[in-house]
Amino acid sequence: MQEQLTAPLKRIRIGRNPRTYFDPKALAELTESIRQHGVDTPIIVRPIVDGDFDYEVIAGGRRYRGAMEAHGEDFAMPIVVKDVDEVEARRIALTENIQRDNLSPAEEARDAAELLGLQGGDRDVTAKILGWSRATLDSRLALLNCSTAVLDALSERKINIAHAELLAALSKENQDKVLPVVVAEKRSAADVRKLVESASCALASAIFDKADCAGCPHNSSTQAQMFGEAIGTGNCTNRSCFNDKTEKQLEATATGLRDEFQTVRIVRAGDNNTRVQLAVDGPKGVGLEQAKACHACTNYGAAVSGLPDSVGKVYRGQCFDTVCNMKKVAARIQAEKAAVQPKQAEGAKSAPAAKSPSGTASKTAGAPASTNPSVTVIAESEKVKAYRVKLWRKALRVDIGMNHDLARQYLIAVVLSGNARHIEDGAFRKFFERMVGGDVDLPMADLPKSVSAVQATSEKIQADLMIAMLFAAIEGLEVTRLTQLCKSHRLDLNKHWKLDKEFLELITKSEMLVLADEIGIRAALGDNFKKVFAKSKPELIEALLKVEGFDYAGKLPKVLKF
């Protein structure tokens, strides 16, 4: 929905502007233009309900500031109203902002990184939205290895993009030390390049095993012994080798985390907005129940930093779907407000709300425990799906057992519903061979020989072969049909499954947290819970299978149900 009208500035609040630097001279010129001619281009706003404000600025922050300075809060501001949520508002603001001609590369980098986060980390899609090549996007995002001071200096045109790109190779601490000299002495990009070349591969910062570096000819310590002129000791002059070893160590670190988390990513410059630390409480919290559900989400995991100033550092508990996270936070806040409003209305008609010892109003006893309908379940990975289907097939066969009548009925139903083609002939042949003896000459495509082979068996074996044929059908049925048969049979999986090592090895440690909550192991472990989950994955599996006093029977996780 879109509508164009005017509104007094005092009814509009400034939104979250992606732009952080406003050139004073340019803003003054805009203010004077608005004072003389008014505002020709409407700003974009969205409707809100927030006390004195009716609208929030999505795009047009400079025009808003200029109009407020030129005409004051009663000025009738031309606006275009877009009824969108916070996520879409941010997307519009970023896209509109980044397409302006006077942005600095630093502002473009920051905006592109945030837009990348809203696109789930897809760089190709982000580049297309911006009308950039993928190479342009990557080069802009690489600027985010710069410190805040360097980015600000670039925005304020104190340095150029060549300086910033070179400084990005240094740690942020060293960038901040070098920057004042570069600016004050107006050092050229060539000067900065020489500085970076001598400091960017310090062996002290290496995250890989440096045993092989001791005698390497590219180790500056070795060079100092060989030559009269050499750069400072403790540096690697073979950048390619240094970077290759660093990448291998980053991947090794990530691999070591994959037993613990569903998703593990190595983050590069510009990727910070593609992830967010999962929080339970506070302004960015999703709530306790939703946080538990998030532990089983395929977008929950860990990040390994590939950034120069924190290379190799691990960040656990990351959400890699920032849009979903924003919506979950908003849902929690909205639910909390909805729970408080009826209580406030009730309190206005009756006595004041009781105060806690600290003087603040106590929380409503009837507040909902859940702020989101998400269910806490283990992620349905392909490995878990395969395990689940295997369980269904086996349980169904065991449950039917040697019930000839039931087997005959189900077999007829399989054929009648057009699923005869799913009878696994290879599996049936194995059943036949076991029942009639291994010495029989099994016919392959010869129908008369097949008739003779069957006629040579007893009635009991033929009856048992009907069951074998149904089992072969159960083995070959598509998952959808298999599910239907399980439901028709009212298969009770609780009688056929108990927590085992095979299943636990398929899931991550974060999913085991979900499992422990779901089937009651957390409660059974009590105070030992944290200690148990601090163990390695193999040790944790062993501990989960031997919880003292815990009844494993009938504890079926949702992910295994049909």
Protein backbone atom coordinates (compact mmCIF):
# COMPACT_ATOMS: atom_id res chain seq x y z
CA MET A 1 0.00 0.00 0.00
CA GLN A 2 1.39 3.45 -0.97
CA GLU A 3 -0.07 6.91 -0.36
CA GLN A 4 1.28 10.47 -0.89
CA LEU A 5 0.30 13.32 1.46
CA THR A 6 1.80 15.76 3.96
CA ALA A 7 2.34 15.61 7.72
CA PRO A 8 3.83 18.05 10.27
CA LEU A 9 7.43 17.23 11.10
CA LYS A 10 6.58 16.94 14.79
CA ARG A 11 4.45 13.88 13.97
CA ILE A 12 7.39 12.20 12.18
CA ARG A 13 10.36 10.66 13.95
CA ILE A 14 13.72 10.11 12.31
CA GLY A 15 14.32 6.44 11.56
CA ARG A 16 17.49 4.38 11.53
CA ASN A 17 19.54 6.08 8.82
CA PRO A 18 22.18 3.91 7.15
CA ARG A 19 24.21 7.06 6.50
CA THR A 20 26.45 8.06 9.42
CA TYR A 21 28.30 11.07 7.94
CA PHE A 22 26.60 14.23 6.69
CA ASP A 23 28.84 16.76 5.00
CA PRO A 24 28.18 20.03 6.92
CA LYS A 25 28.54 22.23 3.86
CA ALA A 26 26.24 20.08 1.71
CA LEU A 27 23.64 19.89 4.50
CA ALA A 28 23.75 23.68 4.95
CA GLU A 29 23.19 24.15 1.20
CA LEU A 30 20.23 21.74 1.29
CA THR A 31 18.73 23.58 4.29
CA GLU A 32 18.96 26.93 2.49
CA SER A 33 17.38 25.47 -0.64
CA ILE A 34 14.46 24.13 1.42
CA ARG A 35 14.12 27.51 3.15
CA GLN A 36 13.82 29.23 -0.23
CA HIS A 37 11.94 26.66 -2.31
CA GLY A 38 10.46 24.06 0.05
CA VAL A 39 10.72 20.29 -0.43
CA ASP A 40 10.08 19.04 -3.95
CA THR A 41 10.77 15.33 -3.40
CA PRO A 42 8.69 13.64 -0.67
CA ILE A 43 10.44 11.57 1.98
CA ILE A 44 9.43 7.92 2.42
CA VAL A 45 7.85 7.02 5.77
CA ARG A 46 5.99 4.13 7.36
CA PRO A 47 3.09 4.37 9.82
CA ILE A 48 3.83 3.68 13.48
CA VAL A 49 2.04 3.91 16.81
CA ASP A 50 4.44 5.57 19.24
CA GLY A 51 3.12 8.30 21.50
CA ASP A 52 3.43 11.66 19.72
CA PHE A 53 4.57 10.16 16.42
CA ASP A 54 2.49 8.82 13.54
CA TYR A 55 5.29 8.09 11.07
CA GLU A 56 8.92 7.03 10.93
CA VAL A 57 11.35 8.09 8.21
CA ILE A 58 12.50 5.25 5.96
CA ALA A 59 14.38 7.33 3.37
CA GLY A 60 15.01 11.08 3.19
CA GLY A 61 16.82 11.79 6.45
CA ARG A 62 18.77 14.75 5.02
CA ARG A 63 15.61 16.39 3.71
CA TYR A 64 13.98 15.83 7.12
CA ARG A 65 16.89 17.50 8.92
CA GLY A 66 17.05 20.35 6.41
CA ALA A 67 13.30 21.02 6.66
CA MET A 68 13.37 20.93 10.47
CA GLU A 69 16.24 23.43 10.50
CA ALA A 70 14.64 25.69 7.87
CA HIS A 71 10.97 25.68 8.93
CA GLY A 72 10.60 23.99 12.32
CA GLU A 73 8.42 21.15 13.61
CA ASP A 74 5.10 22.48 12.24
CA PHE A 75 6.27 22.35 8.62
CA ALA A 76 3.96 20.28 6.41
CA MET A 77 6.40 17.73 5.03
CA PRO A 78 5.56 15.95 1.76
CA ILE A 79 5.61 12.22 2.46
CA VAL A 80 5.04 8.92 0.71
CA VAL A 81 3.56 6.38 3.13
CA LYS A 82 4.57 2.73 2.77
CA ASP A 83 2.93 0.29 5.17
CA VAL A 84 5.86 -2.09 5.63
CA ASP A 85 7.48 -3.90 8.56
CA GLU A 86 10.89 -3.05 10.01
CA VAL A 87 12.75 -5.52 7.80
CA GLU A 88 11.31 -4.15 4.56
CA ALA A 89 11.80 -0.59 5.81
CA ARG A 90 15.50 -1.24 6.31
CA ARG A 91 15.75 -2.84 2.88
CA ILE A 92 14.18 0.22 1.23
CA ALA A 93 16.38 2.62 3.23
CA LEU A 94 19.57 0.78 2.32
CA THR A 95 18.74 0.46 -1.37
CA GLU A 96 17.67 4.11 -1.68
CA ASN A 97 20.71 5.32 0.25
CA ILE A 98 23.33 3.30 -1.59
CA GLN A 99 22.08 4.35 -5.03
CA ARG A 100 22.80 8.04 -4.33
CA ASP A 101 25.79 9.52 -6.16
CA ASN A 102 27.50 11.28 -3.26
CA LEU A 103 28.08 8.30 -0.96
CA SER A 104 31.65 7.57 0.02
CA PRO A 105 33.02 4.04 -0.56
CA ALA A 106 32.95 3.53 3.23
CA GLU A 107 29.24 4.33 3.41
CA GLU A 108 28.63 2.09 0.40
CA ALA A 109 30.50 -0.72 2.17
CA ARG A 110 28.47 -0.39 5.38
CA ASP A 111 25.16 -0.21 3.53
CA ALA A 112 26.04 -3.12 1.23
CA ALA A 113 27.00 -5.26 4.24
CA GLU A 114 23.67 -4.61 5.94
CA LEU A 115 21.76 -5.32 2.73
CA LEU A 116 23.77 -8.55 2.37
CA GLY A 117 22.53 -9.57 5.81
CA LEU A 118 18.92 -8.99 4.75
CA GLN A 119 19.55 -11.20 1.72
CA GLY A 120 20.77 -14.11 3.87
CA GLY A 121 24.41 -13.66 2.87
CA ASP A 122 23.78 -14.19 -0.86
CA ARG A 123 26.36 -11.94 -2.53
CA ASP A 124 25.14 -12.54 -6.08
CA VAL A 125 21.59 -11.45 -5.24
CA THR A 126 22.86 -8.44 -3.28
CA ALA A 127 25.05 -7.31 -6.18
CA LYS A 128 22.11 -7.60 -8.56
CA ILE A 129 19.87 -5.49 -6.30
CA LEU A 130 22.55 -2.79 -6.15
CA GLY A 131 23.26 -2.91 -9.87
CA TRP A 132 26.90 -3.76 -9.14
CA SER A 133 29.17 -6.47 -10.43
CA ARG A 134 30.09 -9.20 -7.95
CA ALA A 135 33.71 -7.93 -8.02
CA THR A 136 32.56 -4.42 -7.05
CA LEU A 137 30.53 -5.77 -4.15
CA ASP A 138 33.43 -7.92 -2.88
CA SER A 139 35.88 -5.01 -3.07
CA ARG A 140 33.49 -2.73 -1.17
CA LEU A 141 32.88 -5.33 1.53
CA ALA A 142 36.63 -5.85 1.90
CA LEU A 143 36.80 -2.25 3.17
CA LEU A 144 35.04 -3.42 6.32
CA ASN A 145 38.37 -4.85 7.47
CA CYS A 146 39.20 -1.19 8.12
CA SER A 147 38.84 0.30 11.59
CA THR A 148 36.04 2.75 12.33
CA ALA A 149 38.53 5.63 12.30
CA VAL A 150 39.80 4.68 8.83
CA LEU A 151 36.25 4.34 7.47
CA ASP A 152 35.32 7.71 8.95
CA ALA A 153 38.42 9.29 7.41
CA LEU A 154 37.42 7.83 4.05
CA SER A 155 33.86 9.19 4.41
CA GLU A 156 35.25 12.62 5.31
CA ARG A 157 37.57 12.48 2.28
CA LYS A 158 40.71 12.74 4.43
CA ILE A 159 42.10 9.65 2.68
CA ASN A 160 41.17 7.96 -0.58
CA ILE A 161 40.03 4.42 -1.30
CA ALA A 162 43.57 3.27 -2.19
CA HIS A 163 44.78 4.19 1.29
CA ALA A 164 41.84 2.39 2.90
CA GLU A 165 42.26 -0.79 0.85
CA LEU A 166 45.93 -1.00 1.84
CA LEU A 167 45.30 -0.26 5.52
CA ALA A 168 42.65 -3.01 5.61
CA ALA A 169 45.46 -5.59 5.63
CA LEU A 170 46.67 -4.39 9.05
CA SER A 171 45.10 -5.09 12.42
CA LYS A 172 42.62 -2.40 13.42
CA GLU A 173 44.85 -1.40 16.31
CA ASN A 174 47.76 -0.77 13.92
CA GLN A 175 45.47 1.02 11.48
CA ASP A 176 44.54 3.51 14.18
CA LYS A 177 48.22 4.07 14.99
CA VAL A 178 49.19 4.68 11.36
CA LEU A 179 46.16 6.72 10.27
CA PRO A 180 47.05 10.04 12.00
CA VAL A 181 50.49 10.00 10.35
CA VAL A 182 49.03 9.22 6.92
CA VAL A 183 46.52 12.08 7.24
CA ALA A 184 48.81 14.68 8.85
CA GLU A 185 51.75 14.07 6.49
CA LYS A 186 49.55 13.40 3.46
CA ARG A 187 51.34 10.13 2.79
CA SER A 188 50.87 8.62 -0.64
CA ALA A 189 49.33 5.21 -1.29
CA ALA A 190 52.82 4.01 -2.29
CA ASP A 191 54.14 4.91 1.18
CA VAL A 192 51.31 3.02 2.84
CA ARG A 193 51.95 0.02 0.60
CA LYS A 194 55.56 -0.22 1.81
CA LEU A 195 54.39 -0.07 5.40
CA VAL A 196 51.80 -2.80 4.91
CA GLU A 197 54.24 -5.08 3.09
CA SER A 198 56.54 -5.04 6.09
CA ALA A 199 53.85 -5.73 8.69
CA SER A 200 50.97 -7.68 7.20
CA CYS A 201 52.42 -11.19 7.71
CA ALA A 202 53.75 -11.07 11.25
CA LEU A 203 54.35 -14.65 12.37
CA ALA A 204 53.28 -13.73 15.88
CA SER A 205 49.71 -13.35 14.59
CA ALA A 206 49.69 -16.67 12.72
CA ILE A 207 47.00 -19.15 13.81
CA PHE A 208 48.63 -22.18 12.17
CA ASP A 209 51.43 -24.42 13.46
CA LYS A 210 54.68 -22.52 12.84
CA ALA A 211 57.03 -25.50 13.33
CA ASP A 212 57.93 -25.53 9.62
CA CYS A 213 58.55 -21.78 9.61
CA ALA A 214 61.66 -21.91 11.79
CA GLY A 215 64.05 -22.89 8.98
CA CYS A 216 62.06 -21.42 6.09
CA PRO A 217 64.02 -19.03 3.82
CA HIS A 218 60.95 -16.74 3.77
CA ASN A 219 61.16 -16.27 7.53
CA SER A 220 62.68 -12.81 8.06
CA SER A 221 64.61 -14.14 11.04
CA THR A 222 66.43 -16.47 8.64
CA GLN A 223 66.90 -13.63 6.14
CA ALA A 224 68.45 -11.41 8.80
CA GLN A 225 71.17 -14.02 9.30
CA MET A 226 71.79 -14.29 5.53
CA PHE A 227 71.63 -10.69 4.34
CA GLY A 228 72.78 -7.29 5.53
CA GLU A 229 69.43 -5.68 4.63
CA ALA A 230 66.22 -7.32 5.82
CA ILE A 231 62.94 -6.32 7.33
CA GLY A 232 62.32 -6.87 11.04
CA THR A 233 62.52 -10.38 12.43
CA GLY A 234 59.40 -12.46 12.99
CA ASN A 235 57.81 -11.79 9.61
CA CYS A 236 56.89 -14.04 6.69
CA THR A 237 57.77 -12.65 3.29
CA ASN A 238 55.85 -15.34 1.40
CA ARG A 239 52.31 -13.94 1.62
CA SER A 240 50.87 -16.72 -0.56
CA CYS A 241 52.15 -19.48 1.72
CA PHE A 242 51.09 -17.59 4.86
CA ASN A 243 47.55 -17.07 3.53
CA ASP A 244 47.26 -20.68 2.34
CA LYS A 245 48.21 -22.06 5.77
CA THR A 246 45.83 -19.62 7.44
CA GLU A 247 42.94 -20.78 5.24
CA LYS A 248 43.66 -24.43 5.99
CA GLN A 249 43.67 -23.73 9.72
CA LEU A 250 40.38 -21.80 9.47
CA GLU A 251 38.79 -24.76 7.71
CA ALA A 252 40.21 -27.17 10.29
CA THR A 253 38.73 -25.05 13.07
CA ALA A 254 35.36 -24.99 11.30
CA THR A 255 35.45 -28.77 10.79
CA GLY A 256 36.03 -29.30 14.50
CA LEU A 257 32.84 -27.37 15.28
CA ARG A 258 30.53 -29.30 12.97
CA ASP A 259 29.82 -31.99 15.58
CA GLU A 260 28.47 -29.25 17.81
CA PHE A 261 26.50 -27.05 15.40
CA GLN A 262 24.36 -27.55 12.29
CA THR A 263 25.90 -24.55 10.51
CA VAL A 264 29.51 -23.40 10.74
CA ARG A 265 30.76 -20.59 8.53
CA ILE A 266 34.04 -18.77 8.04
CA VAL A 267 33.14 -15.08 8.03
CA ARG A 268 34.89 -12.57 5.79
CA ALA A 269 34.78 -8.82 5.47
CA GLY A 270 31.18 -7.72 5.02
CA ASP A 271 29.71 -10.90 6.50
CA ASN A 272 29.10 -9.53 10.01
CA ASN A 273 25.57 -8.45 9.09
CA THR A 274 24.77 -11.98 7.88
CA ARG A 275 24.81 -13.25 11.45
CA VAL A 276 23.68 -12.17 14.90
CA GLN A 277 24.40 -13.50 18.38
CA LEU A 278 21.32 -15.37 19.57
CA ALA A 279 20.05 -13.65 22.71
CA VAL A 280 17.29 -14.69 25.11
CA ASP A 281 16.66 -11.45 26.98
CA GLY A 282 17.17 -7.75 26.41
CA PRO A 283 16.28 -5.55 23.42
CA LYS A 284 17.55 -8.18 20.98
CA GLY A 285 16.27 -11.26 22.82
CA VAL A 286 13.92 -13.78 21.24
CA GLY A 287 12.60 -15.21 24.52
CA LEU A 288 13.48 -18.45 26.30
CA GLU A 289 11.17 -20.84 24.43
CA GLN A 290 12.08 -19.46 21.01
CA ALA A 291 15.79 -19.62 21.90
CA LYS A 292 15.40 -23.33 22.64
CA ALA A 293 13.73 -23.80 19.27
CA CYS A 294 16.53 -21.86 17.59
CA HIS A 295 19.09 -24.39 18.82
CA ALA A 296 17.58 -26.95 16.45
CA CYS A 297 17.32 -24.59 13.46
CA THR A 298 19.58 -25.19 10.48
CA ASN A 299 20.51 -21.48 10.59
CA TYR A 300 21.90 -21.78 14.14
CA GLY A 301 25.59 -22.41 14.61
CA ALA A 302 29.06 -20.93 14.94
CA ALA A 303 31.23 -18.48 13.04
CA VAL A 304 34.99 -18.67 12.57
CA SER A 305 36.53 -15.27 11.94
CA GLY A 306 38.61 -14.79 8.81
CA LEU A 307 39.06 -11.08 9.62
CA PRO A 308 42.61 -9.76 10.15
CA ASP A 309 42.06 -8.41 13.66
CA SER A 310 40.29 -11.53 14.98
CA VAL A 311 41.43 -14.29 12.62
CA GLY A 312 40.68 -17.78 13.95
CA LYS A 313 38.37 -16.57 16.72
CA VAL A 314 35.22 -18.67 17.21
CA TYR A 315 31.80 -17.15 17.87
CA ARG A 316 29.27 -19.70 19.15
CA GLY A 317 25.51 -19.35 19.29
CA GLN A 318 25.13 -17.47 16.01
CA CYS A 319 21.90 -17.05 14.04
CA PHE A 320 22.58 -16.89 10.31
CA ASP A 321 19.08 -15.71 9.37
CA THR A 322 19.07 -12.11 10.56
CA VAL A 323 15.67 -11.37 9.04
CA CYS A 324 14.07 -14.25 10.95
CA ASN A 325 15.84 -13.14 14.11
CA MET A 326 14.47 -9.60 13.79
CA LYS A 327 10.97 -10.96 13.35
CA LYS A 328 11.28 -13.25 16.37
CA VAL A 329 12.52 -10.35 18.51
CA ALA A 330 9.64 -8.16 17.28
CA ALA A 331 7.14 -10.96 18.01
CA ARG A 332 8.46 -11.31 21.57
CA ILE A 333 8.26 -7.58 22.21
CA GLN A 334 4.77 -7.38 20.72
CA ALA A 335 3.57 -10.31 22.83
CA GLU A 336 4.98 -8.73 25.99
CA LYS A 337 3.24 -5.45 25.22
CA ALA A 338 -0.02 -7.26 24.49
CA ALA A 339 0.23 -9.05 27.84
CA VAL A 340 0.83 -5.80 29.72
CA GLN A 341 -1.90 -3.67 28.08
CA PRO A 342 -4.93 -5.63 29.39
CA LYS A 343 -3.37 -5.58 32.85
CA GLN A 344 -2.89 -1.83 32.66
CA ALA A 345 -6.49 -1.36 31.57
CA GLU A 346 -7.67 -3.53 34.45
CA GLY A 347 -5.43 -1.65 36.87
CA ALA A 348 -6.93 1.67 35.80
CA LYS A 349 -10.35 0.44 36.98
CA SER A 350 -9.12 -1.10 40.21
CA ALA A 351 -6.31 -0.71 42.73
CA PRO A 352 -2.75 0.17 41.62
CA ALA A 353 -0.49 -2.71 40.59
CA ALA A 354 1.55 -4.32 43.34
CA LYS A 355 5.17 -3.29 43.54
CA SER A 356 8.15 -5.55 43.89
CA PRO A 357 10.71 -4.89 46.66
CA SER A 358 12.78 -2.90 44.15
CA GLY A 359 9.85 -0.58 43.46
CA THR A 360 9.08 -1.83 39.98
CA ALA A 361 5.78 -3.37 38.99
CA SER A 362 5.84 -7.13 39.25
CA LYS A 363 5.36 -9.23 36.13
CA THR A 364 1.92 -10.51 35.28
CA ALA A 365 1.44 -14.00 36.59
CA GLY A 366 -0.75 -14.83 33.65
CA ALA A 367 1.74 -13.71 31.00
CA PRO A 368 2.14 -16.27 28.25
CA ALA A 369 5.10 -18.61 28.60
CA SER A 370 5.59 -18.58 24.84
CA THR A 371 5.90 -15.52 22.63
CA ASN A 372 6.16 -17.51 19.45
CA PRO A 373 4.39 -20.60 18.10
CA SER A 374 7.63 -22.26 16.99
CA VAL A 375 8.05 -25.84 18.15
CA THR A 376 11.30 -27.07 19.63
CA VAL A 377 12.40 -29.88 17.34
CA ILE A 378 15.60 -31.39 15.99
CA ALA A 379 16.43 -30.31 12.45
CA GLU A 380 15.36 -32.73 9.70
CA SER A 381 18.73 -33.30 8.09
CA GLU A 382 19.00 -35.88 5.32
CA LYS A 383 20.76 -38.27 7.73
CA VAL A 384 17.96 -37.95 10.28
CA LYS A 385 15.31 -38.44 7.58
CA ALA A 386 17.00 -41.64 6.40
CA TYR A 387 17.21 -42.93 9.98
CA ARG A 388 13.54 -42.09 10.56
CA VAL A 389 12.29 -43.88 7.45
CA LYS A 390 14.41 -46.90 8.29
CA LEU A 391 12.80 -46.94 11.76
CA TRP A 392 9.28 -46.76 10.31
CA ARG A 393 9.87 -49.65 7.92
CA LYS A 394 11.39 -51.86 10.60
CA ALA A 395 8.74 -51.01 13.22
CA LEU A 396 5.92 -51.71 10.77
CA ARG A 397 7.36 -55.11 9.87
CA VAL A 398 7.83 -56.04 13.53
CA ASP A 399 4.35 -54.84 14.45
CA ILE A 400 2.68 -56.89 11.71
CA GLY A 401 4.83 -59.89 12.60
CA MET A 402 3.32 -63.18 11.34
CA ASN A 403 -0.26 -61.90 11.16
CA HIS A 404 -1.32 -63.56 7.88
CA ASP A 405 -4.75 -61.94 7.76
CA LEU A 406 -3.41 -58.43 8.25
CA ALA A 407 -0.58 -58.99 5.77
CA ARG A 408 -3.06 -60.21 3.14
CA GLN A 409 -5.32 -57.18 3.68
CA TYR A 410 -2.47 -54.69 3.45
CA LEU A 411 -0.97 -56.39 0.41
CA ILE A 412 -4.29 -56.24 -1.43
CA ALA A 413 -4.59 -52.56 -0.46
CA VAL A 414 -1.10 -51.85 -1.80
CA VAL A 415 -1.96 -53.37 -5.18
CA LEU A 416 -5.45 -51.83 -5.22
CA SER A 417 -4.02 -48.32 -4.65
CA GLY A 418 -1.68 -48.64 -7.62
CA ASN A 419 1.49 -49.20 -5.61
CA ALA A 420 2.31 -52.74 -6.72
CA ARG A 421 5.28 -51.36 -8.68
CA HIS A 422 6.88 -50.40 -5.37
CA ILE A 423 7.14 -54.01 -4.17
CA GLU A 424 10.87 -54.52 -3.91
CA ASP A 425 11.43 -57.69 -5.97
CA GLY A 426 15.05 -58.02 -4.83
CA ALA A 427 13.96 -58.03 -1.18
CA PHE A 428 11.16 -60.52 -1.93
CA ARG A 429 13.59 -62.89 -3.67
CA LYS A 430 15.75 -62.92 -0.54
CA PHE A 431 12.70 -63.81 1.57
CA PHE A 432 11.75 -66.55 -0.90
CA GLU A 433 15.26 -67.98 -0.88
CA ARG A 434 15.38 -68.12 2.92
CA MET A 435 11.98 -69.83 3.15
CA VAL A 436 12.42 -72.47 0.47
CA GLY A 437 16.14 -73.12 0.93
CA GLY A 438 19.26 -71.75 -0.71
CA ASP A 439 19.64 -74.61 -3.25
CA VAL A 440 16.52 -73.76 -5.26
CA ASP A 441 17.02 -72.46 -8.80
CA LEU A 442 15.25 -69.08 -8.57
CA PRO A 443 13.65 -68.04 -11.87
CA MET A 444 14.45 -64.51 -12.95
CA ALA A 445 12.14 -63.49 -15.83
CA ASP A 446 10.60 -66.87 -16.62
CA LEU A 447 6.95 -66.90 -15.50
CA PRO A 448 6.31 -70.68 -15.99
CA LYS A 449 9.39 -71.53 -13.89
CA SER A 450 8.19 -69.09 -11.24
CA VAL A 451 4.80 -70.85 -11.16
CA SER A 452 6.53 -74.20 -10.73
CA ALA A 453 8.78 -72.86 -7.98
CA VAL A 454 5.78 -71.54 -6.02
CA GLN A 455 3.71 -74.71 -6.56
CA ALA A 456 6.56 -76.75 -5.15
CA THR A 457 6.22 -75.00 -1.79
CA SER A 458 3.84 -75.91 1.02
CA GLU A 459 0.68 -73.95 1.88
CA LYS A 460 2.32 -72.68 5.04
CA ILE A 461 5.29 -71.33 3.11
CA GLN A 462 2.93 -69.72 0.58
CA ALA A 463 1.06 -68.05 3.43
CA ASP A 464 4.35 -66.86 4.90
CA LEU A 465 5.37 -65.59 1.45
CA MET A 466 2.33 -63.28 1.49
CA ILE A 467 3.83 -61.69 4.58
CA ALA A 468 7.22 -61.58 2.87
CA MET A 469 5.65 -59.86 -0.13
CA LEU A 470 4.10 -57.22 2.15
CA PHE A 471 7.47 -56.70 3.82
CA ALA A 472 9.00 -56.23 0.36
CA ALA A 473 6.28 -53.66 -0.34
CA ILE A 474 7.02 -51.85 2.94
CA GLU A 475 10.67 -51.75 1.91
CA GLY A 476 9.89 -50.21 -1.49
CA LEU A 477 7.00 -47.84 -0.77
CA GLU A 478 7.63 -44.13 -1.28
CA VAL A 479 7.84 -42.19 1.99
CA THR A 480 4.44 -40.56 1.46
CA ARG A 481 2.75 -43.95 0.97
CA LEU A 482 4.74 -45.47 3.82
CA THR A 483 3.52 -42.69 6.13
CA GLN A 484 -0.06 -43.35 5.09
CA LEU A 485 0.31 -47.05 5.84
CA CYS A 486 1.83 -46.32 9.27
CA LYS A 487 -1.10 -44.06 10.11
CA SER A 488 -3.67 -46.56 8.86
CA HIS A 489 -2.04 -49.25 10.99
CA ARG A 490 -1.88 -46.83 13.95
CA LEU A 491 1.75 -47.77 14.43
CA ASP A 492 2.96 -46.89 17.92
CA LEU A 493 6.65 -46.04 17.52
CA ASN A 494 7.09 -45.67 21.26
CA LYS A 495 7.06 -49.48 21.49
CA HIS A 496 9.78 -49.86 18.87
CA TRP A 497 12.34 -47.13 19.63
CA LYS A 498 14.63 -46.19 22.46
CA LEU A 499 17.38 -43.58 22.39
CA ASP A 500 20.48 -45.10 20.83
CA LYS A 501 24.02 -44.22 19.80
CA GLU A 502 23.22 -44.37 16.09
CA PHE A 503 20.66 -41.58 16.38
CA LEU A 504 22.80 -39.39 18.65
CA GLU A 505 25.72 -39.59 16.24
CA LEU A 506 23.50 -38.08 13.53
CA ILE A 507 22.76 -34.87 15.43
CA THR A 508 24.89 -32.01 16.73
CA LYS A 509 25.53 -31.09 20.35
CA SER A 510 23.20 -28.10 20.03
CA GLU A 511 20.45 -30.45 18.85
CA MET A 512 21.18 -32.73 21.79
CA LEU A 513 20.26 -29.78 24.01
CA VAL A 514 16.88 -29.71 22.29
CA LEU A 515 16.53 -33.48 22.66
CA ALA A 516 17.42 -33.31 26.36
CA ASP A 517 14.65 -30.77 26.94
CA GLU A 518 12.12 -32.60 24.78
CA ILE A 519 12.35 -36.08 26.27
CA GLY A 520 13.18 -35.04 29.84
CA ILE A 521 16.89 -35.80 30.15
CA ARG A 522 17.70 -32.25 31.27
CA ALA A 523 15.37 -32.62 34.26
CA ALA A 524 16.79 -36.06 35.05
CA LEU A 525 20.37 -34.76 35.02
CA GLY A 526 19.52 -31.86 37.30
CA ASP A 527 22.62 -30.03 38.53
CA ASN A 528 24.87 -32.27 36.41
CA PHE A 529 23.36 -30.99 33.15
CA LYS A 530 25.96 -28.31 32.39
CA LYS A 531 28.81 -30.58 33.39
CA VAL A 532 27.58 -33.35 31.09
CA PHE A 533 27.11 -31.03 28.10
CA ALA A 534 30.59 -29.60 28.52
CA LYS A 535 32.01 -32.99 27.43
CA SER A 536 33.15 -33.86 23.91
CA LYS A 537 30.51 -35.29 21.59
CA PRO A 538 31.54 -38.98 22.05
CA GLU A 539 31.62 -38.54 25.84
CA LEU A 540 28.29 -36.71 25.78
CA ILE A 541 26.65 -39.51 23.76
CA GLU A 542 27.85 -42.09 26.27
CA ALA A 543 26.55 -39.97 29.15
CA LEU A 544 23.13 -39.41 27.56
CA LEU A 545 22.63 -43.14 27.15
CA LYS A 546 23.40 -43.85 30.82
CA VAL A 547 21.43 -41.27 32.79
CA GLU A 548 20.81 -42.79 36.18
CA GLY A 549 17.14 -43.20 37.07
CA PHE A 550 15.88 -42.07 33.65
CA ASP A 551 13.22 -44.21 31.94
CA TYR A 552 14.07 -44.25 28.23
CA ALA A 553 10.92 -46.17 27.22
CA GLY A 554 8.27 -44.23 25.34
CA LYS A 555 10.48 -41.12 24.91
CA LEU A 556 10.14 -40.48 21.18
CA PRO A 557 11.36 -37.10 19.82
CA LYS A 558 9.04 -35.25 17.43
CA VAL A 559 11.50 -35.50 14.55
CA LEU A 560 11.02 -39.31 14.41
CA LYS A 561 7.23 -39.23 14.29
CA PHE A 562 5.27 -39.62 11.08
